[in-house]
Amino acid sequence: MESMNNLRLIAVLILIAIFIGCGGPELYVSKDKIDMGRTKRQETFKLTNSGGKKLNWQITDDAEWVHVKPFGGRTGDDTIMVVVQIDRNKLEERKYEQKINVTSDGGDTTIILTAERVPAPVVLMETSMGDIKLKLFPEVAPIHVQNFLNLAKSGFYDSLIFHRVIDGFMIQAGAFTDDMQMKSANTIPAEFNDSLHREGTLAMARRNDPNSASSQFYICLEPRPNLDGRYTVFGKTIEGLDVVHKIGKVKTNRGENGDPNLRPNQPFEPVYIEKMNVLVDYEPEG
């Protein structure tokens, strides 16, 4: 009888120990390390409360360059998607690490975010009508940026002309010599993005095939929202916008009395790209 009571006591103690050991719900995070590298602007991760109850959470990020917020709402009471967004312009160091502290009713955790500040590539285009300085956007069009820089550094663009100029629209160059011999370059895939066609926008020209861009580019003279999302924007004019507009005002081959030896909208007097100078280069990840 005494041994039976001892067994019951042991069983009760085990149950109490198991109950105490279970504790409350636990917080799970899908990623405890996030590497934003050089080009990514946002990343998502998932928070889950193991208890199955509504997840109450709070995130502390004390750096100005990182923002953390809900993304796409809850996937259930116990789970929520969270997005991390970074602004590289506010990074002070070349490489940066930030701890994101997450507190919830399911416990605490820390996520390590790493990012790298890489100066935007800049190209100085010397033309026969003045200089134009271009800032490139590798974060949204890395293939186009690398292609443009490679062509510029190889001297491909030097001595080519602006072969298509439409006042109020854009100026286009990147393929033809002054005797209208066309230089060829490899095609690259489209990288349509959210960047808008504004005054001074740099984008890549193409044929009907979205993946037919190669070397020809254009600079907008005015906003062109009808082109947004249909052509790859990969940079903008940061100096020399007056030169862009000056080129946009040259007399061109138009109308019934045009010169049959010239292409439509080709300037009567050649406007040259004398030289492309890469002022700030860019090295892609990997």
Foldseek 3Di string as FASTA:
>chain_A
DVVVVVVVVVVVVVVVVVVVVVDAWAKDKQAQEAECEEARFKDKIKIFTRRQAAKDKDKDWPAPFKDKDWDPAAPGRGMTMMMIGGDLVRDPAQKDKTWIWMQIPNGIGIHIYIYGRADFWKKWFQKPQGIWIKTWRCNQPVPVQVLQVVCQVVFVQAQWWQQAAAAQFKTKTWFQHPQGDGDDFDWAAFRADQDFQAQFWKWFDADPPNGGTGTMIITTRGGDRVCHRPTHTTIGTPPDSVSRNVVNPADAADDPPGDPSGDHRGGPDTMGRNHMGTPGDDDDDD
